[in-house]
Protein backbone atom coordinates (compact mmCIF):
# COMPACT_ATOMS: atom_id res chain seq x y z
CA MET A 1 87.55 22.67 25.36
CA LEU A 2 87.52 21.31 28.91
CA TRP A 3 89.89 22.91 31.43
CA ASP A 4 92.73 21.04 33.12
CA LYS A 5 91.91 19.44 36.47
CA GLN A 6 93.32 22.15 38.73
CA LYS A 7 91.48 24.98 37.00
CA SER A 8 88.32 22.90 36.67
CA ASP A 9 88.30 22.05 40.38
CA PHE A 10 88.75 25.71 41.37
CA TYR A 11 85.84 26.94 39.27
CA LYS A 12 83.55 24.10 40.34
CA LYS A 13 84.05 25.11 43.97
CA ALA A 14 83.58 28.78 43.10
CA ALA A 15 80.32 28.04 41.26
CA VAL A 16 78.71 26.07 44.09
CA THR A 17 79.88 28.59 46.71
CA ALA A 18 78.38 31.46 44.71
CA SER A 19 75.16 29.45 44.41
CA ILE A 20 74.84 28.96 48.18
CA LEU A 21 75.43 32.65 48.89
CA THR A 22 72.99 33.77 46.21
CA ALA A 23 70.26 31.34 47.27
CA THR A 24 70.56 32.42 50.91
CA PHE A 25 70.31 36.09 49.99
CA LEU A 26 67.29 35.50 47.74
CA PHE A 27 65.58 33.40 50.41
CA ILE A 28 65.87 36.22 52.96
CA MET A 29 64.50 38.81 50.52
CA LYS A 30 61.60 36.62 49.41
CA THR A 31 60.69 35.77 53.00
CA VAL A 32 60.22 39.47 53.71
CA ALA A 33 58.23 39.93 50.50
CA ALA A 34 55.99 36.91 51.15
CA LEU A 35 55.17 38.10 54.68
CA MET A 36 54.40 41.63 53.52
CA THR A 37 52.34 40.76 50.43
CA GLY A 38 50.64 37.48 51.35
CA SER A 39 51.18 36.35 47.74
CA ILE A 40 51.10 32.61 47.09
CA ALA A 41 53.21 33.21 43.96
CA VAL A 42 55.91 34.91 46.04
CA LEU A 43 55.63 32.08 48.57
CA SER A 44 56.18 29.54 45.79
CA SER A 45 59.28 31.43 44.68
CA LEU A 46 60.40 31.53 48.32
CA VAL A 47 60.02 27.75 48.63
CA ASP A 48 62.00 27.36 45.42
CA SER A 49 64.83 29.45 46.90
CA LEU A 50 64.78 27.34 50.06
CA ALA A 51 65.17 24.24 47.89
CA ASP A 52 67.99 26.03 46.10
CA ILE A 53 69.85 26.53 49.38
CA VAL A 54 69.60 22.86 50.29
CA SER A 55 70.42 21.75 46.75
CA SER A 56 73.37 24.10 46.51
CA MET A 57 74.76 22.75 49.77
CA VAL A 58 74.32 19.22 48.42
CA SER A 59 76.16 20.32 45.26
CA TYR A 60 79.00 21.78 47.31
CA ILE A 61 79.42 18.55 49.26
CA ALA A 62 79.18 16.46 46.08
CA VAL A 63 81.73 18.55 44.18
CA LYS A 64 84.15 18.48 47.11
CA PHE A 65 83.70 14.70 47.43
CA SER A 66 84.03 14.10 43.67
CA LEU A 67 87.41 15.85 43.63
CA LYS A 68 88.95 13.24 45.92
CA PRO A 69 91.71 11.25 44.21
CA PRO A 70 91.08 7.59 43.33
CA SER A 71 91.48 5.10 46.16
CA CYS A 72 92.10 1.36 46.38
CA ALA A 73 88.36 0.74 46.68
CA TYR A 74 87.30 3.34 44.05
CA ARG A 75 89.95 3.27 41.37
CA TYR A 76 87.84 5.20 38.89
CA GLY A 77 87.57 8.03 41.40
CA TYR A 78 84.52 9.62 43.01
CA PHE A 79 83.28 11.68 40.07
CA LYS A 80 79.80 10.17 40.04
CA ALA A 81 79.04 11.71 43.41
CA GLU A 82 77.86 14.67 41.33
CA ALA A 83 75.18 12.56 39.65
CA LEU A 84 73.98 11.32 43.03
CA SER A 85 73.73 14.92 44.20
CA ALA A 86 71.69 15.74 41.10
CA LEU A 87 69.16 13.07 42.12
CA VAL A 88 68.94 14.57 45.61
CA GLN A 89 68.44 18.01 44.10
CA ALA A 90 65.72 16.69 41.82
CA ALA A 91 63.90 15.28 44.86
CA PHE A 92 64.01 18.68 46.58
CA ILE A 93 62.78 20.43 43.44
CA ALA A 94 59.90 17.98 43.04
CA GLY A 95 59.02 18.36 46.71
CA SER A 96 58.98 22.14 46.31
CA GLY A 97 56.63 21.84 43.35
CA LEU A 98 54.20 19.65 45.31
CA PHE A 99 54.33 22.05 48.26
CA VAL A 100 53.40 24.94 45.96
CA VAL A 101 50.48 22.93 44.55
CA TYR A 102 49.25 22.22 48.07
CA ASN A 103 49.37 25.90 49.04
CA GLY A 104 47.71 26.90 45.77
CA VAL A 105 44.77 24.59 46.44
CA ASP A 106 44.55 25.92 49.99
CA ARG A 107 44.43 29.50 48.69
CA ILE A 108 41.59 28.57 46.33
CA LEU A 109 39.62 27.13 49.23
CA ASN A 110 40.54 30.02 51.53
CA PRO A 111 40.91 33.20 49.42
CA MET A 112 43.05 36.04 50.80
CA PRO A 113 43.52 39.53 49.30
CA LEU A 114 47.08 40.63 48.49
CA LYS A 115 48.73 43.72 49.98
CA GLN A 116 51.80 45.89 49.31
CA THR A 117 52.37 44.33 45.90
CA GLY A 118 54.86 47.09 45.04
CA ILE A 119 57.35 45.75 47.59
CA GLY A 120 56.92 42.29 46.16
CA VAL A 121 57.69 43.54 42.67
CA VAL A 122 60.90 45.25 43.81
CA VAL A 123 62.11 42.13 45.62
CA MET A 124 61.32 39.87 42.66
CA VAL A 125 63.13 42.19 40.23
CA LEU A 126 66.23 42.08 42.43
CA SER A 127 65.92 38.30 42.59
CA LEU A 128 65.73 38.19 38.81
CA ILE A 129 68.95 40.18 38.44
CA PHE A 130 70.92 38.07 40.95
CA SER A 131 69.65 34.81 39.46
CA LEU A 132 70.60 35.87 35.93
CA ALA A 133 74.12 36.84 37.02
CA LEU A 134 74.60 33.48 38.75
CA ILE A 135 73.30 31.52 35.74
CA LEU A 136 75.76 33.27 33.42
CA PHE A 137 78.63 32.31 35.72
CA GLN A 138 77.40 28.73 36.13
CA ASN A 139 76.98 28.28 32.38
CA PHE A 140 80.54 29.53 31.91
CA VAL A 141 81.78 26.94 34.41
CA THR A 142 79.77 23.99 33.03
CA LYS A 143 80.93 24.77 29.51
CA HIS A 144 84.54 24.19 30.55
CA THR A 145 84.11 21.53 33.26
CA ASP A 146 80.99 19.57 32.22
CA SER A 147 80.09 19.34 35.91
CA MET A 148 76.82 17.46 36.50
CA ALA A 149 76.36 19.07 39.94
CA VAL A 150 76.84 22.63 38.71
CA LYS A 151 74.64 21.93 35.69
CA ALA A 152 71.83 20.62 37.90
CA ASP A 153 72.23 23.57 40.26
CA SER A 154 72.04 25.98 37.34
CA ALA A 155 68.75 24.41 36.27
CA HIS A 156 67.19 25.65 39.52
CA TYR A 157 68.08 29.21 38.68
CA VAL A 158 66.79 28.91 35.13
CA VAL A 159 63.50 28.07 36.79
CA ASP A 160 64.01 31.08 39.07
CA ILE A 161 64.25 33.38 36.05
CA LEU A 162 60.92 32.05 34.78
CA THR A 163 59.22 32.03 38.16
CA ASN A 164 60.46 35.46 39.15
CA SER A 165 59.30 36.92 35.84
CA ALA A 166 55.90 35.27 36.16
CA THR A 167 55.56 36.45 39.75
CA ILE A 168 56.44 40.04 38.81
CA ILE A 169 53.80 40.06 36.07
CA SER A 170 51.27 38.49 38.43
CA LEU A 171 51.90 41.05 41.18
CA LEU A 172 51.64 43.95 38.74
CA ILE A 173 48.33 42.71 37.33
CA VAL A 174 46.86 41.80 40.72
CA GLY A 175 47.95 45.12 42.20
CA ARG A 176 46.50 47.09 39.27
CA PHE A 177 43.34 45.14 38.43
CA HIS A 178 42.78 43.10 41.63
CA ILE A 179 42.51 39.80 39.77
CA GLU A 180 43.32 37.69 42.82
CA TRP A 181 43.01 34.29 41.12
CA LEU A 182 45.92 35.12 38.82
CA ASP A 183 48.24 34.81 41.82
CA VAL A 184 47.19 31.18 42.28
CA VAL A 185 47.40 30.41 38.57
CA THR A 186 50.96 31.77 38.54
CA ALA A 187 51.85 29.58 41.51
CA PHE A 188 50.52 26.49 39.70
CA GLY A 189 52.58 27.43 36.63
CA ILE A 190 55.70 27.67 38.79
CA ALA A 191 54.92 24.29 40.33
CA ALA A 192 54.60 22.75 36.86
CA TYR A 193 58.04 24.07 35.90
CA LEU A 194 59.54 22.76 39.12
CA LEU A 195 58.18 19.26 38.50
CA TYR A 196 59.32 19.32 34.86
CA TYR A 197 62.87 20.30 35.79
CA ALA A 198 62.95 17.66 38.53
CA PHE A 199 62.08 15.04 35.92
CA SER A 200 64.67 16.28 33.40
CA ILE A 201 67.47 16.37 36.00
CA THR A 202 66.56 12.88 37.18
CA SER A 203 66.56 11.57 33.62
CA GLU A 204 70.02 13.00 32.89
CA ALA A 205 71.49 11.79 36.19
CA VAL A 206 70.16 8.26 35.67
CA SER A 207 71.61 8.14 32.14
CA TYR A 208 74.93 9.28 33.56
CA LEU A 209 74.94 6.66 36.33
CA MET A 210 74.00 3.99 33.77
CA ASP A 211 77.10 4.91 31.72
CA LYS A 212 75.27 6.23 28.68
CA GLU A 213 77.58 6.77 25.71
CA LEU A 214 79.07 10.23 25.18
CA PRO A 215 77.50 12.45 22.46
CA GLU A 216 78.00 11.26 18.89
CA GLU A 217 80.06 14.37 18.14
CA VAL A 218 82.67 13.31 20.71
CA LYS A 219 82.80 9.78 19.35
CA GLN A 220 83.20 11.06 15.80
CA ASN A 221 86.07 13.32 16.91
CA VAL A 222 87.85 10.36 18.50
CA ALA A 223 87.27 8.26 15.37
CA GLN A 224 88.83 10.98 13.20
CA ILE A 225 91.86 11.21 15.50
CA ILE A 226 92.39 7.45 15.22
CA GLN A 227 91.90 7.38 11.44
CA LYS A 228 94.48 10.14 10.96
CA SER A 229 97.07 8.36 13.12
CA GLU A 230 100.00 6.66 11.44
CA GLN A 231 100.20 2.86 11.19
CA ILE A 232 96.62 2.40 12.39
CA LYS A 233 94.78 0.14 9.94
CA GLY A 234 91.45 0.30 11.74
CA PHE A 235 89.71 0.22 15.10
CA HIS A 236 86.68 -1.36 16.72
CA ASP A 237 84.71 -1.68 19.96
CA LEU A 238 84.95 2.01 20.86
CA ARG A 239 83.19 2.54 24.19
CA THR A 240 82.77 5.85 25.98
CA ARG A 241 81.33 7.21 29.19
CA ASP A 242 81.42 10.29 31.37
CA LEU A 243 83.01 9.88 34.79
CA GLY A 244 82.01 13.40 35.84
CA GLY A 245 83.58 15.92 33.48
CA VAL A 246 86.30 13.32 32.88
CA TYR A 247 85.77 11.34 29.68
CA TYR A 248 86.60 7.65 29.52
CA PHE A 249 87.46 5.97 26.20
CA GLU A 250 88.04 2.28 25.56
CA ILE A 251 89.35 1.42 22.07
CA HIS A 252 90.68 -1.61 20.19
CA LEU A 253 93.29 -0.43 17.66
CA GLU A 254 94.12 -2.58 14.65
CA MET A 255 97.70 -2.55 13.37
CA ASP A 256 100.24 -4.74 11.58
CA GLY A 257 100.50 -8.00 13.52
CA SER A 258 104.23 -8.27 12.80
CA LEU A 259 105.05 -5.10 14.75
CA PRO A 260 107.15 -5.55 17.91
CA LEU A 261 105.22 -5.12 21.15
CA THR A 262 107.26 -2.03 22.02
CA LYS A 263 106.41 -0.38 18.70
CA ALA A 264 102.71 -1.22 19.04
CA HIS A 265 102.78 0.30 22.52
CA GLU A 266 104.36 3.52 21.16
CA ILE A 267 101.68 3.80 18.49
CA GLY A 268 98.98 3.31 21.09
CA ASP A 269 100.53 5.98 23.32
CA ALA A 270 100.61 8.42 20.40
CA VAL A 271 96.87 7.91 19.80
CA GLU A 272 96.15 8.30 23.53
CA ASN A 273 98.10 11.57 23.70
CA LYS A 274 96.25 12.98 20.68
CA ILE A 275 92.91 12.17 22.27
CA LYS A 276 93.99 13.85 25.50
CA GLU A 277 94.96 16.98 23.57
CA HIS A 278 91.29 17.34 22.63
CA TYR A 279 89.88 16.07 25.92
CA PRO A 280 92.15 16.99 28.86
CA ASN A 281 92.04 14.66 31.86
CA ALA A 282 90.48 11.91 29.74
CA GLN A 283 91.14 8.32 30.69
CA VAL A 284 92.02 6.22 27.63
CA LEU A 285 92.28 2.43 27.61
CA ILE A 286 93.76 1.02 24.39
CA HIS A 287 93.99 -2.61 23.35
CA GLN A 288 96.18 -3.44 20.33
CA ASP A 289 94.87 -6.08 17.92
CA PRO A 290 96.56 -7.58 14.83
CA TYR A 291 94.83 -6.27 11.71
CA GLY A 292 92.60 -8.88 10.07
CA LEU A 293 92.16 -10.96 13.21
CA LYS A 294 88.79 -12.70 13.27
CA GLU A 295 87.22 -12.54 16.72
CA LYS A 296 83.91 -11.90 18.43
CA ARG A 297 83.48 -8.14 18.74
CA LEU A 298 81.17 -5.80 20.59
CA ASP A 299 80.54 -3.93 17.33
CA ASP A 300 79.07 -7.11 15.82
CA MET A 301 76.79 -7.57 18.80
CA LEU A 302 75.65 -3.94 18.53
CA ASN A 303 75.33 -3.87 14.76
CA ASP A 304 71.90 -2.22 15.01
CA CYS A 305 73.55 0.86 16.63
CA ARG A 306 75.39 1.73 13.43
CA SER A 307 73.88 4.28 11.10
């Protein structure tokens, strides 16, 4: 169940603020560890945290901007600013991955022994703990707000969990067995994850900006609500999209053509209110059609979409 707008807005801001503070703290710790150990794996994790700071700041700006009320020029609101921020974040993540690859190749060409790996392990363990705590909070927020910006931001820290774990294992093995090349291999693995997550975030943001339909489960729920409503003989041309944690539904309801306009309006309002009970803040556009009317419909044009 999505939260109401006031509660949703508060937690979105809290999530991105916590992300900025966490990323800054981790960046400082990893900078110290990278300088003291000389590890390319720690450096790659450091670069990732730097990207997290920039991305989190982008998320903060996007969330704040997306919460602006609709204006004369943007009557649907500014919700999709979050998707734009996700694209910017994806670019930073991809850039971080390429930077790590570059430094990994350089380390292969110019080998350098690691030092004070114990300090690096301690720092990375602390980073792991802070990242996990932030992810749990972000997941809690996205579950109830469906925020694209917070979801994209959380993806960075999922990568952090993987990269921090890999870096810890690498430092332990290198420090114990002096297998220096493992440090570079770990860095390349981290880079691969960064590039993969950049691609997945971009794919989701593009689908969102292109008004991809909401999940089938949501559409089925709306269909059941309509079918259970009184005096509704059918419906067609159901279209859905996500405006940024705010669902948009467009529906053509079929009812007795002899009903007075006022009565048809009341029936439509009842359906709209039931939908909003399940999806708070949803925007619902209903068009009433006389049952049995023969007309050109979107459903007929998209017949191949039906199961």
